[in-house]
Every structure is written in C-alpha cells, then in structure tokens.
Amino acid sequence: MAEQERFLLHQETLPEQLLAEKQLSLSAMPVLTASQLIGLYICEENRRANEYDFKKALDLLEYIDEEEDVNINDLKLEILCKALQRDNWSSSDGKDDPIEVSKDSIFVKILQKLLKDGIQLSEYLPEVKELLQADQLGSLKSNPYFEFVLKANYEYYVRGQM
C-alpha cells in the first residue's frame, strides 16, 4: 500500500504551472501510468523543471511494469538527455575547471542526488559514449565543449565513487 501511495504522490506533486499549461486538473485527472508521468515531468512545457523533477522522473522508472512496452534504459537515457538540454553548455565563463563550471547544472545536481541516495553510478548511468551519441541530445551532440565537460563530470562522479 505504501508503494502505491508513493507512486500517487508523484502525480499529486506535478508542478501547477505545468498542469495549467496542459489544461489538466489533479481532481479530474485519471491515475496516469509511470511513463505518462515521466513524460510530463520532463516535457518542454515544464519550463521550471529542476533536478527534483528529473529525479522524480528517474524514480518513476521503478514503477514501469512489463505490461508497458517501454525500454527502461532508453527512457532513462531520454530523461538524462532532457536534463542536459536544460542547461547552457556553450562557454566556461572564464573558468578552466569543468567540474566548477557545471556544478550548478541540473545534470550534476541529479548525479549528487543519486549519490546521496546510495546509487552506484557506474551501474545506474549509461556509458558516457552512449549518452554522447544519443539522438535526444540534439545540437549538444556536436558541441566539443559540452563533450569535454560531460566526460570530466563522468570521470569525477562515476570514477570517484569506485
């Protein structure tokens, strides 16, 4: 029962701005599937999405069951790509350290939350190469600065945990 309540809480805590934009009402809304909730948390219309929204989307992956025709790893990749697209990866603002430059990014804050939850990043995250080749990254795929910063953060957080 507690697990079902936790799942429903994800729907009840959808951002008000997003509900208004999508013309949805919590009181009139049917219970959504985990995939539908993930889609709402990471969609473009959720303009104020932060690390908490993306972490909720990642948490919802555990509620996807076999009946849903969804590849969990593909969905995880999509969530991470959408999180990466929320930040500006165009310049270093005069800072040389890629870890320092990206410390306020949604992606890094998600990594920190996963670490805090005791998640083994090397097992949880896709390979950095897989992430860099993901079509969902859009124009970031061809951004050498972004690639440098992402690889540095993988090295720092994933390897640092080993």
N, C-alpha and C. Protein backbone atom coordinates (compact mmCIF):
# COMPACT_ATOMS: atom_id res chain seq x y z
N MET A 1 0.82 -1.20 0.00
CA MET A 1 0.00 0.00 0.00
C MET A 1 0.87 1.26 0.00
N ALA A 2 1.90 1.26 0.82
CA ALA A 2 2.76 2.44 0.90
C ALA A 2 3.40 2.75 -0.45
N GLU A 3 3.73 1.70 -1.20
CA GLU A 3 4.35 1.90 -2.51
C GLU A 3 3.38 2.57 -3.48
N GLN A 4 2.11 2.16 -3.43
CA GLN A 4 1.10 2.77 -4.29
C GLN A 4 0.90 4.24 -3.92
N GLU A 5 0.92 4.53 -2.63
CA GLU A 5 0.79 5.92 -2.18
C GLU A 5 1.96 6.76 -2.66
N ARG A 6 3.17 6.17 -2.59
CA ARG A 6 4.36 6.88 -3.08
C ARG A 6 4.22 7.18 -4.57
N PHE A 7 3.70 6.21 -5.31
CA PHE A 7 3.51 6.41 -6.75
C PHE A 7 2.51 7.55 -6.99
N LEU A 8 1.38 7.53 -6.29
CA LEU A 8 0.35 8.55 -6.47
C LEU A 8 0.87 9.94 -6.10
N LEU A 9 1.77 9.98 -5.13
CA LEU A 9 2.35 11.26 -4.72
C LEU A 9 3.08 11.93 -5.89
N HIS A 10 3.67 11.13 -6.76
CA HIS A 10 4.35 11.70 -7.93
C HIS A 10 3.37 12.45 -8.82
N GLN A 11 2.14 11.94 -8.92
CA GLN A 11 1.13 12.62 -9.73
C GLN A 11 0.60 13.85 -8.99
N GLU A 12 0.40 13.72 -7.68
CA GLU A 12 -0.15 14.82 -6.89
C GLU A 12 0.81 16.00 -6.77
N THR A 13 2.09 15.76 -7.01
CA THR A 13 3.08 16.84 -6.88
C THR A 13 3.55 17.38 -8.23
N LEU A 14 2.80 17.10 -9.29
CA LEU A 14 3.12 17.71 -10.58
C LEU A 14 3.07 19.23 -10.44
N PRO A 15 3.99 19.96 -11.05
CA PRO A 15 4.02 21.43 -10.92
C PRO A 15 2.72 22.08 -11.42
N GLU A 16 2.23 23.06 -10.65
CA GLU A 16 0.98 23.75 -11.00
C GLU A 16 1.08 24.43 -12.36
N GLN A 17 2.23 25.05 -12.64
CA GLN A 17 2.43 25.74 -13.93
C GLN A 17 2.25 24.76 -15.08
N LEU A 18 2.77 23.56 -14.92
CA LEU A 18 2.66 22.52 -15.96
C LEU A 18 1.21 22.08 -16.13
N LEU A 19 0.52 21.86 -15.02
CA LEU A 19 -0.89 21.45 -15.09
C LEU A 19 -1.72 22.51 -15.81
N ALA A 20 -1.46 23.78 -15.49
CA ALA A 20 -2.19 24.87 -16.14
C ALA A 20 -1.90 24.90 -17.64
N GLU A 21 -0.64 24.78 -17.98
CA GLU A 21 -0.21 24.79 -19.39
C GLU A 21 -0.86 23.65 -20.18
N LYS A 22 -0.94 22.48 -19.57
CA LYS A 22 -1.51 21.30 -20.23
C LYS A 22 -3.03 21.22 -20.04
N GLN A 23 -3.59 22.19 -19.33
CA GLN A 23 -5.03 22.24 -19.02
C GLN A 23 -5.48 20.95 -18.34
N LEU A 24 -4.73 20.58 -17.31
CA LEU A 24 -5.04 19.39 -16.52
C LEU A 24 -5.44 19.80 -15.12
N SER A 25 -6.29 19.02 -14.51
CA SER A 25 -6.72 19.26 -13.14
C SER A 25 -6.48 17.98 -12.34
N LEU A 26 -5.77 18.11 -11.22
CA LEU A 26 -5.49 16.93 -10.41
C LEU A 26 -6.77 16.21 -9.99
N SER A 27 -7.80 16.98 -9.67
CA SER A 27 -9.04 16.36 -9.18
C SER A 27 -9.80 15.61 -10.28
N ALA A 28 -9.64 16.03 -11.53
CA ALA A 28 -10.38 15.39 -12.62
C ALA A 28 -9.51 14.45 -13.45
N MET A 29 -8.26 14.31 -13.07
CA MET A 29 -7.31 13.53 -13.86
C MET A 29 -7.34 12.05 -13.45
N PRO A 30 -7.36 11.14 -14.42
CA PRO A 30 -7.25 9.72 -14.06
C PRO A 30 -5.84 9.43 -13.56
N VAL A 31 -5.66 8.31 -12.91
CA VAL A 31 -4.32 7.92 -12.48
C VAL A 31 -3.51 7.62 -13.74
N LEU A 32 -2.39 8.32 -13.88
CA LEU A 32 -1.54 8.16 -15.07
C LEU A 32 -0.57 7.00 -14.86
N THR A 33 -0.05 6.48 -15.96
CA THR A 33 0.98 5.45 -15.87
C THR A 33 2.31 6.12 -15.53
N ALA A 34 3.26 5.31 -15.11
CA ALA A 34 4.59 5.84 -14.81
C ALA A 34 5.19 6.53 -16.03
N SER A 35 5.03 5.93 -17.21
CA SER A 35 5.56 6.52 -18.44
C SER A 35 4.93 7.87 -18.73
N GLN A 36 3.62 7.98 -18.52
CA GLN A 36 2.93 9.25 -18.75
C GLN A 36 3.42 10.32 -17.78
N LEU A 37 3.60 9.94 -16.52
CA LEU A 37 4.09 10.90 -15.53
C LEU A 37 5.51 11.36 -15.87
N ILE A 38 6.35 10.42 -16.28
CA ILE A 38 7.72 10.77 -16.67
C ILE A 38 7.67 11.79 -17.81
N GLY A 39 6.82 11.51 -18.79
CA GLY A 39 6.67 12.42 -19.93
C GLY A 39 6.30 13.83 -19.49
N LEU A 40 5.41 13.93 -18.50
CA LEU A 40 5.01 15.25 -18.00
C LEU A 40 6.16 15.94 -17.26
N TYR A 41 6.86 15.19 -16.42
CA TYR A 41 7.94 15.80 -15.65
C TYR A 41 9.07 16.34 -16.53
N ILE A 42 9.32 15.69 -17.67
CA ILE A 42 10.48 16.10 -18.49
C ILE A 42 10.10 16.86 -19.75
N CYS A 43 8.82 17.13 -19.96
CA CYS A 43 8.40 17.79 -21.21
C CYS A 43 8.81 19.26 -21.25
N GLU A 44 8.84 19.80 -22.47
CA GLU A 44 9.21 21.21 -22.70
C GLU A 44 8.31 22.16 -21.91
N GLU A 45 7.02 21.81 -21.80
CA GLU A 45 6.07 22.70 -21.13
C GLU A 45 6.36 22.84 -19.64
N ASN A 46 7.10 21.91 -19.07
CA ASN A 46 7.50 22.03 -17.66
C ASN A 46 8.75 22.92 -17.62
N ARG A 47 8.52 24.19 -17.92
CA ARG A 47 9.63 25.13 -18.12
C ARG A 47 10.48 25.34 -16.87
N ARG A 48 9.89 25.16 -15.72
CA ARG A 48 10.65 25.39 -14.48
C ARG A 48 11.26 24.10 -13.93
N ALA A 49 11.29 23.07 -14.75
CA ALA A 49 11.80 21.77 -14.29
C ALA A 49 13.21 21.93 -13.75
N ASN A 50 13.44 21.32 -12.60
CA ASN A 50 14.76 21.37 -11.99
C ASN A 50 15.20 19.94 -11.66
N GLU A 51 16.27 19.83 -10.88
CA GLU A 51 16.79 18.50 -10.57
C GLU A 51 15.77 17.62 -9.85
N TYR A 52 14.86 18.23 -9.09
CA TYR A 52 13.85 17.45 -8.37
C TYR A 52 12.87 16.80 -9.35
N ASP A 53 12.47 17.54 -10.38
CA ASP A 53 11.55 16.99 -11.39
C ASP A 53 12.21 15.84 -12.15
N PHE A 54 13.46 16.03 -12.53
CA PHE A 54 14.15 14.98 -13.28
C PHE A 54 14.45 13.77 -12.38
N LYS A 55 14.74 14.02 -11.12
CA LYS A 55 14.96 12.91 -10.17
C LYS A 55 13.65 12.14 -9.97
N LYS A 56 12.52 12.85 -9.89
CA LYS A 56 11.22 12.17 -9.79
C LYS A 56 10.99 11.30 -11.02
N ALA A 57 11.34 11.82 -12.19
CA ALA A 57 11.19 11.05 -13.42
C ALA A 57 12.03 9.77 -13.35
N LEU A 58 13.26 9.90 -12.87
CA LEU A 58 14.12 8.72 -12.73
C LEU A 58 13.55 7.75 -11.69
N ASP A 59 13.03 8.30 -10.58
CA ASP A 59 12.43 7.44 -9.54
C ASP A 59 11.23 6.67 -10.09
N LEU A 60 10.49 7.29 -11.00
CA LEU A 60 9.30 6.65 -11.57
C LEU A 60 9.63 5.43 -12.44
N LEU A 61 10.89 5.33 -12.88
CA LEU A 61 11.28 4.18 -13.70
C LEU A 61 11.00 2.86 -12.99
N GLU A 62 11.10 2.85 -11.66
CA GLU A 62 10.89 1.61 -10.92
C GLU A 62 9.43 1.14 -10.95
N TYR A 63 8.52 2.03 -11.35
CA TYR A 63 7.10 1.68 -11.39
C TYR A 63 6.64 1.19 -12.77
N ILE A 64 7.55 1.18 -13.72
CA ILE A 64 7.19 0.70 -15.05
C ILE A 64 7.18 -0.82 -15.02
N ASP A 65 6.06 -1.39 -15.42
CA ASP A 65 5.96 -2.85 -15.37
C ASP A 65 6.03 -3.45 -16.77
N GLU A 66 6.04 -4.77 -16.80
CA GLU A 66 6.22 -5.49 -18.06
C GLU A 66 5.10 -5.23 -19.06
N GLU A 67 3.90 -4.90 -18.56
CA GLU A 67 2.79 -4.67 -19.48
C GLU A 67 3.05 -3.46 -20.38
N GLU A 68 3.75 -2.49 -19.84
CA GLU A 68 4.06 -1.31 -20.65
C GLU A 68 5.20 -1.68 -21.60
N ASP A 69 5.01 -1.35 -22.85
CA ASP A 69 6.02 -1.67 -23.86
C ASP A 69 7.06 -0.56 -23.88
N VAL A 70 7.88 -0.54 -22.83
CA VAL A 70 8.85 0.54 -22.65
C VAL A 70 10.20 -0.05 -22.29
N ASN A 71 11.24 0.43 -22.94
CA ASN A 71 12.59 0.04 -22.58
C ASN A 71 13.08 1.02 -21.51
N ILE A 72 13.29 0.53 -20.31
CA ILE A 72 13.64 1.40 -19.19
C ILE A 72 14.97 2.12 -19.44
N ASN A 73 15.94 1.43 -20.02
CA ASN A 73 17.23 2.09 -20.28
C ASN A 73 17.10 3.21 -21.31
N ASP A 74 16.25 3.00 -22.32
CA ASP A 74 16.02 4.06 -23.32
C ASP A 74 15.34 5.26 -22.66
N LEU A 75 14.40 4.98 -21.78
CA LEU A 75 13.68 6.06 -21.10
C LEU A 75 14.61 6.81 -20.16
N LYS A 76 15.48 6.08 -19.48
CA LYS A 76 16.46 6.72 -18.59
C LYS A 76 17.38 7.64 -19.40
N LEU A 77 17.81 7.15 -20.56
CA LEU A 77 18.66 7.94 -21.45
C LEU A 77 17.93 9.22 -21.88
N GLU A 78 16.66 9.09 -22.21
CA GLU A 78 15.87 10.26 -22.61
C GLU A 78 15.76 11.27 -21.47
N ILE A 79 15.52 10.80 -20.25
CA ILE A 79 15.42 11.69 -19.09
C ILE A 79 16.73 12.45 -18.90
N LEU A 80 17.84 11.73 -18.95
CA LEU A 80 19.15 12.38 -18.75
C LEU A 80 19.45 13.37 -19.86
N CYS A 81 19.11 13.03 -21.10
CA CYS A 81 19.33 13.96 -22.22
C CYS A 81 18.50 15.23 -22.06
N LYS A 82 17.25 15.06 -21.65
CA LYS A 82 16.38 16.24 -21.44
C LYS A 82 16.94 17.11 -20.32
N ALA A 83 17.48 16.48 -19.28
CA ALA A 83 18.09 17.25 -18.18
C ALA A 83 19.30 18.02 -18.69
N LEU A 84 20.13 17.37 -19.50
CA LEU A 84 21.32 18.02 -20.04
C LEU A 84 20.95 19.21 -20.93
N GLN A 85 19.83 19.09 -21.66
CA GLN A 85 19.42 20.17 -22.55
C GLN A 85 18.91 21.40 -21.80
N ARG A 86 18.60 21.26 -20.53
CA ARG A 86 18.07 22.39 -19.76
C ARG A 86 19.13 23.43 -19.42
N ASP A 87 20.39 23.04 -19.51
CA ASP A 87 21.47 23.96 -19.12
C ASP A 87 22.22 24.50 -20.33
N ASN A 88 22.89 25.61 -20.11
CA ASN A 88 23.69 26.24 -21.16
C ASN A 88 25.10 25.66 -21.12
N TRP A 89 25.49 25.00 -22.16
CA TRP A 89 26.81 24.36 -22.22
C TRP A 89 27.70 25.04 -23.25
N SER A 90 27.50 26.35 -23.46
CA SER A 90 28.21 27.00 -24.56
C SER A 90 29.57 27.56 -24.17
N SER A 91 29.74 27.94 -22.91
CA SER A 91 31.04 28.53 -22.57
C SER A 91 31.40 28.25 -21.12
N SER A 92 32.64 28.53 -20.79
CA SER A 92 33.14 28.23 -19.45
C SER A 92 33.10 29.43 -18.53
N ASP A 93 32.60 30.56 -19.00
CA ASP A 93 32.57 31.79 -18.19
C ASP A 93 33.94 32.10 -17.58
N GLY A 94 34.98 31.82 -18.33
CA GLY A 94 36.34 32.13 -17.88
C GLY A 94 36.90 31.15 -16.87
N LYS A 95 36.17 30.09 -16.56
CA LYS A 95 36.66 29.10 -15.60
C LYS A 95 37.29 27.94 -16.37
N ASP A 96 38.40 27.45 -15.86
CA ASP A 96 39.10 26.34 -16.52
C ASP A 96 38.59 24.98 -16.07
N ASP A 97 38.11 24.89 -14.84
CA ASP A 97 37.72 23.61 -14.25
C ASP A 97 36.31 23.20 -14.70
N PRO A 98 36.20 22.11 -15.48
CA PRO A 98 34.87 21.70 -15.97
C PRO A 98 33.92 21.28 -14.84
N ILE A 99 34.47 20.83 -13.73
CA ILE A 99 33.62 20.44 -12.58
C ILE A 99 33.03 21.70 -11.95
N GLU A 100 33.84 22.73 -11.82
CA GLU A 100 33.39 24.00 -11.26
C GLU A 100 32.36 24.66 -12.18
N VAL A 101 32.61 24.63 -13.47
CA VAL A 101 31.71 25.25 -14.46
C VAL A 101 30.32 24.63 -14.40
N SER A 102 30.25 23.34 -14.19
CA SER A 102 28.97 22.63 -14.30
C SER A 102 28.32 22.31 -12.96
N LYS A 103 28.89 22.78 -11.87
CA LYS A 103 28.38 22.38 -10.55
C LYS A 103 26.93 22.80 -10.30
N ASP A 104 26.46 23.83 -10.97
CA ASP A 104 25.07 24.27 -10.79
C ASP A 104 24.13 23.73 -11.86
N SER A 105 24.63 22.85 -12.72
CA SER A 105 23.78 22.30 -13.78
C SER A 105 22.80 21.29 -13.18
N ILE A 106 21.66 21.17 -13.83
CA ILE A 106 20.65 20.20 -13.38
C ILE A 106 21.24 18.79 -13.40
N PHE A 107 22.01 18.48 -14.43
CA PHE A 107 22.58 17.13 -14.56
C PHE A 107 23.47 16.79 -13.37
N VAL A 108 24.36 17.70 -13.00
CA VAL A 108 25.27 17.45 -11.88
C VAL A 108 24.48 17.34 -10.57
N LYS A 109 23.47 18.17 -10.42
CA LYS A 109 22.64 18.09 -9.20
C LYS A 109 21.91 16.75 -9.13
N ILE A 110 21.52 16.22 -10.29
CA ILE A 110 20.90 14.88 -10.31
C ILE A 110 21.93 13.83 -9.87
N LEU A 111 23.15 13.93 -10.40
CA LEU A 111 24.20 12.98 -10.00
C LEU A 111 24.42 13.03 -8.50
N GLN A 112 24.44 14.24 -7.94
CA GLN A 112 24.64 14.39 -6.50
C GLN A 112 23.49 13.77 -5.71
N LYS A 113 22.26 13.93 -6.20
CA LYS A 113 21.10 13.32 -5.53
C LYS A 113 21.18 11.79 -5.60
N LEU A 114 21.58 11.26 -6.74
CA LEU A 114 21.72 9.81 -6.88
C LEU A 114 22.78 9.28 -5.91
N LEU A 115 23.90 9.99 -5.81
CA LEU A 115 24.95 9.60 -4.87
C LEU A 115 24.43 9.61 -3.44
N LYS A 116 23.70 10.66 -3.11
CA LYS A 116 23.14 10.81 -1.76
C LYS A 116 22.18 9.66 -1.44
N ASP A 117 21.49 9.17 -2.46
CA ASP A 117 20.56 8.04 -2.29
C ASP A 117 21.28 6.69 -2.29
N GLY A 118 22.61 6.72 -2.40
CA GLY A 118 23.38 5.48 -2.36
C GLY A 118 23.39 4.69 -3.66
N ILE A 119 23.07 5.36 -4.76
CA ILE A 119 23.04 4.69 -6.07
C ILE A 119 24.47 4.53 -6.59
N GLN A 120 24.78 3.34 -7.10
CA GLN A 120 26.09 3.08 -7.71
C GLN A 120 26.03 3.63 -9.14
N LEU A 121 26.64 4.79 -9.37
CA LEU A 121 26.52 5.48 -10.66
C LEU A 121 27.03 4.64 -11.83
N SER A 122 28.11 3.90 -11.62
CA SER A 122 28.68 3.11 -12.72
C SER A 122 27.68 2.07 -13.23
N GLU A 123 26.79 1.59 -12.36
CA GLU A 123 25.79 0.61 -12.77
C GLU A 123 24.51 1.28 -13.24
N TYR A 124 24.23 2.47 -12.72
CA TYR A 124 22.95 3.14 -12.98
C TYR A 124 22.96 3.95 -14.27
N LEU A 125 24.03 4.68 -14.50
CA LEU A 125 24.10 5.58 -15.65
C LEU A 125 24.50 4.84 -16.92
N PRO A 126 24.03 5.34 -18.07
CA PRO A 126 24.53 4.77 -19.32
C PRO A 126 26.01 5.15 -19.49
N GLU A 127 26.70 4.43 -20.34
CA GLU A 127 28.09 4.79 -20.65
C GLU A 127 28.12 6.22 -21.21
N VAL A 128 29.18 6.95 -20.93
CA VAL A 128 29.27 8.33 -21.41
C VAL A 128 29.20 8.37 -22.94
N LYS A 129 29.80 7.37 -23.62
CA LYS A 129 29.74 7.31 -25.09
C LYS A 129 28.30 7.18 -25.57
N GLU A 130 27.53 6.34 -24.88
CA GLU A 130 26.13 6.13 -25.26
C GLU A 130 25.34 7.43 -25.10
N LEU A 131 25.62 8.14 -24.03
CA LEU A 131 24.94 9.41 -23.78
C LEU A 131 25.32 10.43 -24.86
N LEU A 132 26.60 10.51 -25.20
CA LEU A 132 27.06 11.47 -26.20
C LEU A 132 26.55 11.16 -27.61
N GLN A 133 26.17 9.92 -27.86
CA GLN A 133 25.67 9.54 -29.19
C GLN A 133 24.15 9.55 -29.27
N ALA A 134 23.49 9.86 -28.16
CA ALA A 134 22.02 9.82 -28.12
C ALA A 134 21.42 10.92 -28.99
N ASP A 135 20.50 10.53 -29.85
CA ASP A 135 19.83 11.50 -30.72
C ASP A 135 19.08 12.56 -29.93
N GLN A 136 18.61 12.19 -28.73
CA GLN A 136 17.84 13.13 -27.91
C GLN A 136 18.66 14.33 -27.45
N LEU A 137 19.98 14.28 -27.60
CA LEU A 137 20.82 15.42 -27.21
C LEU A 137 20.72 16.58 -28.20
N GLY A 138 20.25 16.30 -29.40
CA GLY A 138 20.12 17.36 -30.40
C GLY A 138 21.47 17.98 -30.72
N SER A 139 21.52 19.31 -30.69
CA SER A 139 22.74 20.04 -31.10
C SER A 139 23.89 19.84 -30.12
N LEU A 140 23.63 19.39 -28.91
CA LEU A 140 24.72 19.16 -27.95
C LEU A 140 25.66 18.06 -28.44
N LYS A 141 25.14 17.16 -29.28
CA LYS A 141 25.96 16.06 -29.81
C LYS A 141 27.20 16.57 -30.53
N SER A 142 27.09 17.72 -31.16
CA SER A 142 28.20 18.25 -31.95
C SER A 142 28.91 19.40 -31.25
N ASN A 143 28.76 19.49 -29.93
CA ASN A 143 29.39 20.56 -29.16
C ASN A 143 30.60 19.99 -28.41
N PRO A 144 31.84 20.30 -28.90
CA PRO A 144 33.04 19.73 -28.27
C PRO A 144 33.21 20.17 -26.81
N TYR A 145 32.81 21.40 -26.50
CA TYR A 145 32.93 21.88 -25.12
C TYR A 145 32.02 21.06 -24.20
N PHE A 146 30.79 20.82 -24.64
CA PHE A 146 29.85 20.00 -23.87
C PHE A 146 30.43 18.60 -23.64
N GLU A 147 30.98 18.01 -24.69
CA GLU A 147 31.56 16.67 -24.58
C GLU A 147 32.67 16.65 -23.54
N PHE A 148 33.53 17.66 -23.56
CA PHE A 148 34.63 17.77 -22.60
C PHE A 148 34.09 17.85 -21.17
N VAL A 149 33.11 18.70 -20.93
CA VAL A 149 32.56 18.89 -19.58
C VAL A 149 31.84 17.63 -19.11
N LEU A 150 31.07 17.01 -20.00
CA LEU A 150 30.34 15.80 -19.62
C LEU A 150 31.31 14.67 -19.24
N LYS A 151 32.33 14.47 -20.06
CA LYS A 151 33.32 13.42 -19.77
C LYS A 151 34.03 13.70 -18.45
N ALA A 152 34.36 14.96 -18.20
CA ALA A 152 35.03 15.32 -16.95
C ALA A 152 34.13 15.02 -15.75
N ASN A 153 32.85 15.30 -15.87
CA ASN A 153 31.92 15.03 -14.77
C ASN A 153 31.72 13.53 -14.56
N TYR A 154 31.66 12.78 -15.64
CA TYR A 154 31.58 11.33 -15.51
C TYR A 154 32.80 10.82 -14.75
N GLU A 155 33.96 11.29 -15.18
CA GLU A 155 35.21 10.88 -14.54
C GLU A 155 35.17 11.21 -13.05
N TYR A 156 34.76 12.43 -12.74
CA TYR A 156 34.76 12.92 -11.36
C TYR A 156 33.76 12.16 -10.49
N TYR A 157 32.52 12.02 -10.95
CA TYR A 157 31.47 11.43 -10.12
C TYR A 157 31.43 9.90 -10.18
N VAL A 158 31.51 9.34 -11.38
CA VAL A 158 31.40 7.89 -11.51
C VAL A 158 32.68 7.21 -11.04
N ARG A 159 33.81 7.64 -11.56
CA ARG A 159 35.08 7.03 -11.17
C ARG A 159 35.41 7.35 -9.72
N GLY A 160 35.01 8.54 -9.27
CA GLY A 160 35.27 8.94 -7.89
C GLY A 160 34.55 8.08 -6.88
N GLN A 161 33.52 7.40 -7.32
CA GLN A 161 32.72 6.56 -6.42
C GLN A 161 33.31 5.15 -6.30
N MET A 162 34.19 4.79 -7.23
CA MET A 162 34.73 3.42 -7.24
C MET A 162 35.78 3.22 -6.17
